[in-house]
Amino acid sequence: MKRNLLPLPLFLATLSLTALAPAHAVTADVLDARPASLVKVLSDEGYKPELRPGDDKTQPSIALKVSGDTIYLYFSGCENGLCRRVTASNGFEFPKDRGGLTKMLAGWNAEWYSQAYEDKDGVYLDASYMLTGGYTKANFTAWFDAYLEDYGDFGEKLY
């Protein structure tokens, strides 16, 4: 079998150009950390988000329907209209058999990015996304899609 090899100088030139090329040339607009910009991102993705502006005692939040369930996004660290973080947080009723709940929650928290816990009212699943310094639409939607996947998997595991 005869191989066609590049002459050494041409091979080295090709190799050096390949090494200098960026792996992914991605450019994206950095969006500000205002709740309204996140509402626009979610609207552009086909959701119908409802912005709850908050008041002197509460931070802004967003509620939206996904496959019949209401998903809540809570902002925190908001000053002058900009927020540090948004947290997806959803509650579940306690399962009928709560015997293995503590072990199940500990196992979830050891293996998943989202975090689960229980309190007196039920079981919750949370995941936070940092907005400080801005964010991109692609990055936020990837995070939100991952949360929705976790949300579905967690519900199946809980019940």
N, C-alpha and C. Protein backbone atom coordinates (compact mmCIF):
# COMPACT_ATOMS: atom_id res chain seq x y z
N MET A 1 0.84 -1.16 0.00
CA MET A 1 0.00 0.00 0.00
C MET A 1 0.90 1.23 0.00
N LYS A 2 0.67 2.10 -0.95
CA LYS A 2 1.48 3.30 -1.06
C LYS A 2 0.72 4.46 -0.41
N ARG A 3 1.40 5.21 0.45
CA ARG A 3 0.79 6.37 1.11
C ARG A 3 1.32 7.63 0.46
N ASN A 4 0.45 8.58 0.28
CA ASN A 4 0.86 9.88 -0.22
C ASN A 4 1.11 10.79 0.97
N LEU A 5 2.33 11.08 1.25
CA LEU A 5 2.69 11.93 2.38
C LEU A 5 3.04 13.32 1.89
N LEU A 6 2.68 14.29 2.68
CA LEU A 6 3.06 15.66 2.36
C LEU A 6 4.54 15.85 2.62
N PRO A 7 5.20 16.66 1.83
CA PRO A 7 6.59 17.00 2.13
C PRO A 7 6.63 17.65 3.51
N LEU A 8 7.71 17.45 4.24
CA LEU A 8 7.83 17.91 5.62
C LEU A 8 7.53 19.40 5.78
N PRO A 9 8.05 20.32 4.97
CA PRO A 9 7.73 21.74 5.18
C PRO A 9 6.24 22.04 5.02
N LEU A 10 5.59 21.40 4.03
CA LEU A 10 4.16 21.62 3.83
C LEU A 10 3.37 21.02 4.99
N PHE A 11 3.76 19.86 5.46
CA PHE A 11 3.12 19.22 6.60
C PHE A 11 3.19 20.11 7.84
N LEU A 12 4.38 20.66 8.12
CA LEU A 12 4.55 21.54 9.29
C LEU A 12 3.73 22.82 9.17
N ALA A 13 3.66 23.38 7.98
CA ALA A 13 2.86 24.59 7.78
C ALA A 13 1.38 24.30 8.02
N THR A 14 0.90 23.18 7.49
CA THR A 14 -0.49 22.79 7.69
C THR A 14 -0.78 22.55 9.17
N LEU A 15 0.12 21.86 9.84
CA LEU A 15 -0.03 21.57 11.26
C LEU A 15 -0.08 22.86 12.08
N SER A 16 0.78 23.80 11.79
CA SER A 16 0.82 25.05 12.57
C SER A 16 -0.45 25.86 12.35
N LEU A 17 -0.99 25.90 11.13
CA LEU A 17 -2.24 26.63 10.89
C LEU A 17 -3.40 25.97 11.60
N THR A 18 -3.42 24.66 11.64
CA THR A 18 -4.48 23.94 12.34
C THR A 18 -4.40 24.21 13.83
N ALA A 19 -3.22 24.24 14.38
CA ALA A 19 -3.06 24.47 15.81
C ALA A 19 -3.45 25.87 16.21
N LEU A 20 -3.30 26.84 15.31
CA LEU A 20 -3.62 28.23 15.63
C LEU A 20 -5.10 28.55 15.46
N ALA A 21 -5.82 27.73 14.73
CA ALA A 21 -7.24 27.99 14.50
C ALA A 21 -8.02 27.75 15.79
N PRO A 22 -8.97 28.64 16.13
CA PRO A 22 -9.75 28.42 17.34
C PRO A 22 -10.65 27.20 17.18
N ALA A 23 -10.87 26.50 18.28
CA ALA A 23 -11.70 25.30 18.23
C ALA A 23 -13.13 25.67 17.88
N HIS A 24 -13.63 26.74 18.45
CA HIS A 24 -14.98 27.20 18.17
C HIS A 24 -14.95 28.71 18.08
N ALA A 25 -15.25 29.24 16.97
CA ALA A 25 -15.30 30.68 16.82
C ALA A 25 -16.75 31.12 17.07
N VAL A 26 -17.08 31.35 18.32
CA VAL A 26 -18.43 31.69 18.70
C VAL A 26 -18.46 33.14 19.15
N THR A 27 -19.40 33.87 18.61
CA THR A 27 -19.63 35.22 19.09
C THR A 27 -21.09 35.32 19.47
N ALA A 28 -21.35 36.05 20.53
CA ALA A 28 -22.72 36.21 20.98
C ALA A 28 -22.85 37.52 21.73
N ASP A 29 -24.04 38.05 21.70
CA ASP A 29 -24.31 39.27 22.45
C ASP A 29 -24.39 38.93 23.93
N VAL A 30 -23.75 39.78 24.73
CA VAL A 30 -23.86 39.63 26.18
C VAL A 30 -25.05 40.48 26.62
N LEU A 31 -26.00 39.84 27.26
CA LEU A 31 -27.22 40.51 27.69
C LEU A 31 -27.08 41.01 29.11
N ASP A 32 -27.79 42.08 29.42
CA ASP A 32 -27.70 42.61 30.78
C ASP A 32 -28.50 41.74 31.75
N ALA A 33 -28.24 41.91 33.01
CA ALA A 33 -28.82 41.06 34.05
C ALA A 33 -30.13 41.63 34.59
N ARG A 34 -30.93 42.17 33.71
CA ARG A 34 -32.24 42.70 34.10
C ARG A 34 -33.30 41.61 33.88
N PRO A 35 -34.27 41.52 34.80
CA PRO A 35 -35.34 40.54 34.61
C PRO A 35 -36.03 40.65 33.25
N ALA A 36 -36.21 41.87 32.75
CA ALA A 36 -36.89 42.05 31.46
C ALA A 36 -36.11 41.41 30.32
N SER A 37 -34.78 41.41 30.38
CA SER A 37 -34.00 40.78 29.30
C SER A 37 -34.18 39.27 29.33
N LEU A 38 -34.33 38.70 30.52
CA LEU A 38 -34.57 37.26 30.63
C LEU A 38 -35.97 36.91 30.13
N VAL A 39 -36.93 37.79 30.39
CA VAL A 39 -38.28 37.58 29.86
C VAL A 39 -38.23 37.53 28.34
N LYS A 40 -37.47 38.41 27.73
CA LYS A 40 -37.35 38.42 26.26
C LYS A 40 -36.71 37.13 25.75
N VAL A 41 -35.65 36.68 26.42
CA VAL A 41 -35.00 35.42 26.02
C VAL A 41 -36.00 34.27 26.07
N LEU A 42 -36.73 34.18 27.16
CA LEU A 42 -37.72 33.10 27.31
C LEU A 42 -38.84 33.22 26.28
N SER A 43 -39.27 34.45 25.99
CA SER A 43 -40.30 34.67 24.97
C SER A 43 -39.79 34.25 23.59
N ASP A 44 -38.53 34.60 23.30
CA ASP A 44 -37.94 34.22 22.01
C ASP A 44 -37.85 32.70 21.86
N GLU A 45 -37.77 31.99 22.98
CA GLU A 45 -37.71 30.52 22.95
C GLU A 45 -39.10 29.88 22.88
N GLY A 46 -40.16 30.70 22.83
CA GLY A 46 -41.51 30.17 22.69
C GLY A 46 -42.29 30.04 23.98
N TYR A 47 -41.72 30.43 25.09
CA TYR A 47 -42.43 30.40 26.36
C TYR A 47 -43.26 31.67 26.51
N LYS A 48 -44.17 31.66 27.47
CA LYS A 48 -44.97 32.84 27.79
C LYS A 48 -44.69 33.22 29.25
N PRO A 49 -43.54 33.85 29.49
CA PRO A 49 -43.18 34.19 30.87
C PRO A 49 -44.00 35.35 31.41
N GLU A 50 -44.31 35.25 32.69
CA GLU A 50 -45.01 36.32 33.39
C GLU A 50 -44.04 36.92 34.40
N LEU A 51 -43.66 38.16 34.19
CA LEU A 51 -42.73 38.84 35.09
C LEU A 51 -43.51 39.39 36.27
N ARG A 52 -43.03 39.05 37.45
CA ARG A 52 -43.57 39.60 38.69
C ARG A 52 -42.48 40.54 39.21
N PRO A 53 -42.72 41.86 39.15
CA PRO A 53 -41.65 42.81 39.40
C PRO A 53 -41.11 42.87 40.83
N GLY A 54 -41.83 42.33 41.78
CA GLY A 54 -41.37 42.41 43.17
C GLY A 54 -41.74 43.76 43.77
N ASP A 55 -41.34 43.95 45.00
CA ASP A 55 -41.63 45.21 45.69
C ASP A 55 -40.56 45.46 46.75
N ASP A 56 -40.87 46.26 47.74
CA ASP A 56 -39.89 46.57 48.79
C ASP A 56 -39.45 45.34 49.58
N LYS A 57 -40.31 44.32 49.62
CA LYS A 57 -40.01 43.14 50.44
C LYS A 57 -39.61 41.92 49.62
N THR A 58 -39.92 41.90 48.34
CA THR A 58 -39.62 40.73 47.52
C THR A 58 -38.85 41.11 46.26
N GLN A 59 -38.02 40.21 45.82
CA GLN A 59 -37.26 40.37 44.58
C GLN A 59 -38.17 39.99 43.40
N PRO A 60 -37.81 40.40 42.19
CA PRO A 60 -38.60 40.01 41.01
C PRO A 60 -38.58 38.49 40.81
N SER A 61 -39.57 38.00 40.08
CA SER A 61 -39.62 36.59 39.73
C SER A 61 -40.34 36.44 38.39
N ILE A 62 -40.21 35.26 37.83
CA ILE A 62 -40.88 34.92 36.57
C ILE A 62 -41.59 33.59 36.78
N ALA A 63 -42.81 33.50 36.28
CA ALA A 63 -43.54 32.23 36.25
C ALA A 63 -43.85 31.91 34.79
N LEU A 64 -43.69 30.65 34.41
CA LEU A 64 -44.03 30.24 33.05
C LEU A 64 -44.47 28.79 33.05
N LYS A 65 -45.29 28.45 32.08
CA LYS A 65 -45.79 27.08 31.94
C LYS A 65 -44.89 26.30 31.00
N VAL A 66 -44.57 25.08 31.41
CA VAL A 66 -43.80 24.16 30.58
C VAL A 66 -44.48 22.80 30.69
N SER A 67 -45.03 22.32 29.61
CA SER A 67 -45.71 21.02 29.58
C SER A 67 -46.74 20.90 30.71
N GLY A 68 -47.49 21.96 30.94
CA GLY A 68 -48.55 21.94 31.94
C GLY A 68 -48.11 22.26 33.36
N ASP A 69 -46.81 22.29 33.63
CA ASP A 69 -46.31 22.63 34.96
C ASP A 69 -45.88 24.09 34.98
N THR A 70 -46.04 24.74 36.13
CA THR A 70 -45.55 26.10 36.30
C THR A 70 -44.13 26.04 36.83
N ILE A 71 -43.24 26.70 36.12
CA ILE A 71 -41.83 26.77 36.52
C ILE A 71 -41.59 28.18 37.05
N TYR A 72 -40.89 28.27 38.18
CA TYR A 72 -40.64 29.56 38.82
C TYR A 72 -39.15 29.90 38.75
N LEU A 73 -38.87 31.14 38.39
CA LEU A 73 -37.52 31.67 38.38
C LEU A 73 -37.49 32.87 39.32
N TYR A 74 -36.65 32.79 40.36
CA TYR A 74 -36.56 33.84 41.36
C TYR A 74 -35.23 34.57 41.23
N PHE A 75 -35.28 35.89 41.16
CA PHE A 75 -34.07 36.71 41.08
C PHE A 75 -33.59 37.04 42.49
N SER A 76 -32.29 37.21 42.63
CA SER A 76 -31.74 37.63 43.92
C SER A 76 -30.56 38.56 43.69
N GLY A 77 -30.24 39.32 44.73
CA GLY A 77 -29.14 40.26 44.65
C GLY A 77 -29.41 41.40 43.68
N CYS A 78 -30.65 41.83 43.58
CA CYS A 78 -31.01 42.88 42.63
C CYS A 78 -30.77 44.27 43.22
N GLU A 79 -30.06 45.08 42.45
CA GLU A 79 -29.82 46.48 42.80
C GLU A 79 -29.84 47.31 41.54
N ASN A 80 -30.56 48.42 41.59
CA ASN A 80 -30.66 49.32 40.43
C ASN A 80 -31.11 48.59 39.16
N GLY A 81 -32.00 47.63 39.31
CA GLY A 81 -32.56 46.92 38.17
C GLY A 81 -31.74 45.74 37.66
N LEU A 82 -30.49 45.59 38.14
CA LEU A 82 -29.65 44.46 37.74
C LEU A 82 -29.64 43.41 38.84
N CYS A 83 -29.64 42.15 38.46
CA CYS A 83 -29.68 41.06 39.44
C CYS A 83 -28.43 40.19 39.33
N ARG A 84 -28.00 39.65 40.46
CA ARG A 84 -26.81 38.78 40.48
C ARG A 84 -27.09 37.37 39.99
N ARG A 85 -28.28 36.88 40.33
CA ARG A 85 -28.55 35.47 40.02
C ARG A 85 -30.04 35.27 39.82
N VAL A 86 -30.35 34.19 39.11
CA VAL A 86 -31.72 33.72 39.00
C VAL A 86 -31.71 32.24 39.40
N THR A 87 -32.71 31.86 40.18
CA THR A 87 -32.81 30.48 40.66
C THR A 87 -34.13 29.87 40.21
N ALA A 88 -34.04 28.73 39.54
CA ALA A 88 -35.23 27.95 39.22
C ALA A 88 -35.53 27.12 40.46
N SER A 89 -36.76 27.20 40.93
CA SER A 89 -37.13 26.47 42.13
C SER A 89 -38.56 26.00 41.99
N ASN A 90 -38.74 24.71 42.17
CA ASN A 90 -40.07 24.14 42.06
C ASN A 90 -40.33 23.14 43.18
N GLY A 91 -41.55 23.18 43.68
CA GLY A 91 -41.94 22.28 44.76
C GLY A 91 -42.70 21.07 44.26
N PHE A 92 -42.59 20.00 45.04
CA PHE A 92 -43.30 18.75 44.78
C PHE A 92 -43.99 18.33 46.07
N GLU A 93 -45.12 17.68 45.95
CA GLU A 93 -45.75 17.10 47.13
C GLU A 93 -44.88 15.95 47.62
N PHE A 94 -44.99 15.67 48.91
CA PHE A 94 -44.26 14.53 49.45
C PHE A 94 -44.75 13.24 48.79
N PRO A 95 -43.85 12.30 48.55
CA PRO A 95 -44.31 10.99 48.03
C PRO A 95 -45.10 10.27 49.13
N LYS A 96 -45.94 9.34 48.72
CA LYS A 96 -46.76 8.60 49.70
C LYS A 96 -45.88 7.87 50.71
N ASP A 97 -44.81 7.25 50.23
CA ASP A 97 -43.87 6.56 51.12
C ASP A 97 -42.64 7.44 51.29
N ARG A 98 -42.52 8.05 52.47
CA ARG A 98 -41.40 8.96 52.73
C ARG A 98 -40.22 8.25 53.38
N GLY A 99 -40.31 6.93 53.50
CA GLY A 99 -39.27 6.17 54.19
C GLY A 99 -37.87 6.32 53.60
N GLY A 100 -37.74 6.35 52.31
CA GLY A 100 -36.42 6.44 51.68
C GLY A 100 -36.12 7.83 51.12
N LEU A 101 -36.93 8.83 51.52
CA LEU A 101 -36.78 10.16 50.94
C LEU A 101 -35.43 10.79 51.24
N THR A 102 -34.98 10.72 52.47
CA THR A 102 -33.70 11.34 52.83
C THR A 102 -32.56 10.74 52.02
N LYS A 103 -32.54 9.43 51.87
CA LYS A 103 -31.50 8.76 51.10
C LYS A 103 -31.60 9.13 49.62
N MET A 104 -32.82 9.21 49.11
CA MET A 104 -33.01 9.57 47.71
C MET A 104 -32.51 10.99 47.46
N LEU A 105 -32.83 11.93 48.33
CA LEU A 105 -32.39 13.32 48.16
C LEU A 105 -30.86 13.43 48.23
N ALA A 106 -30.26 12.71 49.17
CA ALA A 106 -28.80 12.72 49.29
C ALA A 106 -28.16 12.15 48.03
N GLY A 107 -28.73 11.09 47.49
CA GLY A 107 -28.22 10.50 46.26
C GLY A 107 -28.35 11.45 45.08
N TRP A 108 -29.49 12.13 45.00
CA TRP A 108 -29.69 13.12 43.94
C TRP A 108 -28.64 14.21 44.03
N ASN A 109 -28.47 14.76 45.22
CA ASN A 109 -27.54 15.88 45.41
C ASN A 109 -26.09 15.50 45.16
N ALA A 110 -25.76 14.23 45.33
CA ALA A 110 -24.40 13.76 45.07
C ALA A 110 -24.11 13.60 43.58
N GLU A 111 -25.16 13.43 42.78
CA GLU A 111 -24.97 13.10 41.37
C GLU A 111 -25.43 14.16 40.39
N TRP A 112 -26.23 15.11 40.80
CA TRP A 112 -26.84 16.06 39.87
C TRP A 112 -26.41 17.48 40.19
N TYR A 113 -26.47 18.33 39.18
CA TYR A 113 -26.13 19.74 39.36
C TYR A 113 -27.21 20.46 40.16
N SER A 114 -28.47 20.21 39.87
CA SER A 114 -29.55 20.81 40.64
C SER A 114 -29.56 20.19 42.04
N GLN A 115 -30.12 20.92 42.98
CA GLN A 115 -30.11 20.45 44.36
C GLN A 115 -31.54 20.27 44.86
N ALA A 116 -31.76 19.18 45.59
CA ALA A 116 -33.08 18.84 46.12
C ALA A 116 -33.04 18.87 47.64
N TYR A 117 -34.17 19.26 48.22
CA TYR A 117 -34.28 19.29 49.69
C TYR A 117 -35.75 19.20 50.07
N GLU A 118 -35.98 18.95 51.34
CA GLU A 118 -37.35 18.93 51.84
C GLU A 118 -37.49 19.95 52.95
N ASP A 119 -38.71 20.47 53.09
CA ASP A 119 -39.04 21.29 54.25
C ASP A 119 -40.45 20.89 54.68
N LYS A 120 -41.05 21.65 55.54
CA LYS A 120 -42.34 21.24 56.11
C LYS A 120 -43.47 21.16 55.07
N ASP A 121 -43.33 21.89 53.95
CA ASP A 121 -44.38 21.94 52.94
C ASP A 121 -44.24 20.93 51.81
N GLY A 122 -43.04 20.36 51.63
CA GLY A 122 -42.84 19.44 50.52
C GLY A 122 -41.38 19.29 50.16
N VAL A 123 -41.16 18.88 48.94
CA VAL A 123 -39.81 18.64 48.42
C VAL A 123 -39.56 19.66 47.32
N TYR A 124 -38.33 20.17 47.25
CA TYR A 124 -38.00 21.22 46.28
C TYR A 124 -36.78 20.84 45.45
N LEU A 125 -36.76 21.37 44.24
CA LEU A 125 -35.61 21.22 43.36
C LEU A 125 -35.19 22.61 42.92
N ASP A 126 -33.93 22.96 43.16
CA ASP A 126 -33.38 24.28 42.84
C ASP A 126 -32.15 24.16 41.96
N ALA A 127 -31.94 25.19 41.14
CA ALA A 127 -30.69 25.35 40.39
C ALA A 127 -30.51 26.85 40.17
N SER A 128 -29.31 27.34 40.40
CA SER A 128 -29.04 28.78 40.24
C SER A 128 -28.16 29.05 39.04
N TYR A 129 -28.39 30.21 38.43
CA TYR A 129 -27.64 30.67 37.26
C TYR A 129 -27.14 32.08 37.57
N MET A 130 -25.84 32.28 37.44
CA MET A 130 -25.24 33.59 37.72
C MET A 130 -25.47 34.54 36.55
N LEU A 131 -25.95 35.73 36.86
CA LEU A 131 -26.19 36.76 35.86
C LEU A 131 -25.16 37.88 35.92
N THR A 132 -24.40 37.94 37.01
CA THR A 132 -23.42 39.01 37.20
C THR A 132 -22.48 39.11 36.00
N GLY A 133 -22.36 40.31 35.46
CA GLY A 133 -21.49 40.51 34.32
C GLY A 133 -22.16 40.24 32.99
N GLY A 134 -23.41 39.80 33.03
CA GLY A 134 -24.15 39.51 31.81
C GLY A 134 -24.14 38.02 31.47
N TYR A 135 -24.89 37.67 30.46
CA TYR A 135 -25.02 36.27 30.04
C TYR A 135 -25.38 36.25 28.56
N THR A 136 -25.25 35.11 27.95
CA THR A 136 -25.67 34.96 26.56
C THR A 136 -26.96 34.16 26.49
N LYS A 137 -27.71 34.39 25.45
CA LYS A 137 -28.96 33.66 25.25
C LYS A 137 -28.70 32.16 25.15
N ALA A 138 -27.67 31.80 24.39
CA ALA A 138 -27.35 30.37 24.21
C ALA A 138 -26.99 29.71 25.53
N ASN A 139 -26.19 30.41 26.34
CA ASN A 139 -25.78 29.82 27.61
C ASN A 139 -26.96 29.68 28.57
N PHE A 140 -27.78 30.72 28.67
CA PHE A 140 -28.94 30.63 29.55
C PHE A 140 -29.91 29.54 29.10
N THR A 141 -30.22 29.49 27.81
CA THR A 141 -31.18 28.49 27.35
C THR A 141 -30.65 27.07 27.54
N ALA A 142 -29.34 26.87 27.41
CA ALA A 142 -28.75 25.55 27.68
C ALA A 142 -28.92 25.21 29.15
N TRP A 143 -28.68 26.17 30.04
CA TRP A 143 -28.87 25.95 31.48
C TRP A 143 -30.34 25.64 31.78
N PHE A 144 -31.25 26.43 31.21
CA PHE A 144 -32.68 26.24 31.48
C PHE A 144 -33.15 24.88 30.95
N ASP A 145 -32.70 24.49 29.77
CA ASP A 145 -33.05 23.16 29.23
C ASP A 145 -32.55 22.06 30.15
N ALA A 146 -31.34 22.23 30.69
CA ALA A 146 -30.80 21.23 31.62
C ALA A 146 -31.63 21.17 32.90
N TYR A 147 -32.07 22.33 33.39
CA TYR A 147 -32.93 22.34 34.58
C TYR A 147 -34.25 21.61 34.29
N LEU A 148 -34.85 21.89 33.15
CA LEU A 148 -36.12 21.23 32.81
C LEU A 148 -35.94 19.71 32.71
N GLU A 149 -34.81 19.28 32.18
CA GLU A 149 -34.52 17.85 32.12
C GLU A 149 -34.38 17.28 33.54
N ASP A 150 -33.64 17.98 34.40
CA ASP A 150 -33.50 17.57 35.80
C ASP A 150 -34.87 17.53 36.48
N TYR A 151 -35.69 18.54 36.22
CA TYR A 151 -37.02 18.64 36.82
C TYR A 151 -37.86 17.41 36.48
N GLY A 152 -37.85 17.01 35.21
CA GLY A 152 -38.59 15.82 34.80
C GLY A 152 -38.02 14.54 35.42
N ASP A 153 -36.69 14.41 35.40
CA ASP A 153 -36.05 13.23 35.98
C ASP A 153 -36.29 13.16 37.49
N PHE A 154 -36.22 14.30 38.16
CA PHE A 154 -36.43 14.33 39.61
C PHE A 154 -37.86 13.90 39.95
N GLY A 155 -38.85 14.41 39.21
CA GLY A 155 -40.23 14.01 39.46
C GLY A 155 -40.44 12.51 39.30
N GLU A 156 -39.81 11.93 38.27
CA GLU A 156 -39.93 10.48 38.06
C GLU A 156 -39.28 9.72 39.21
N LYS A 157 -38.12 10.20 39.65
CA LYS A 157 -37.41 9.51 40.71
C LYS A 157 -38.13 9.64 42.06
N LEU A 158 -38.73 10.81 42.29
CA LEU A 158 -39.41 11.07 43.56
C LEU A 158 -40.65 10.19 43.72
N TYR A 159 -41.38 9.98 42.63
CA TYR A 159 -42.63 9.21 42.73
C TYR A 159 -42.46 7.83 42.14
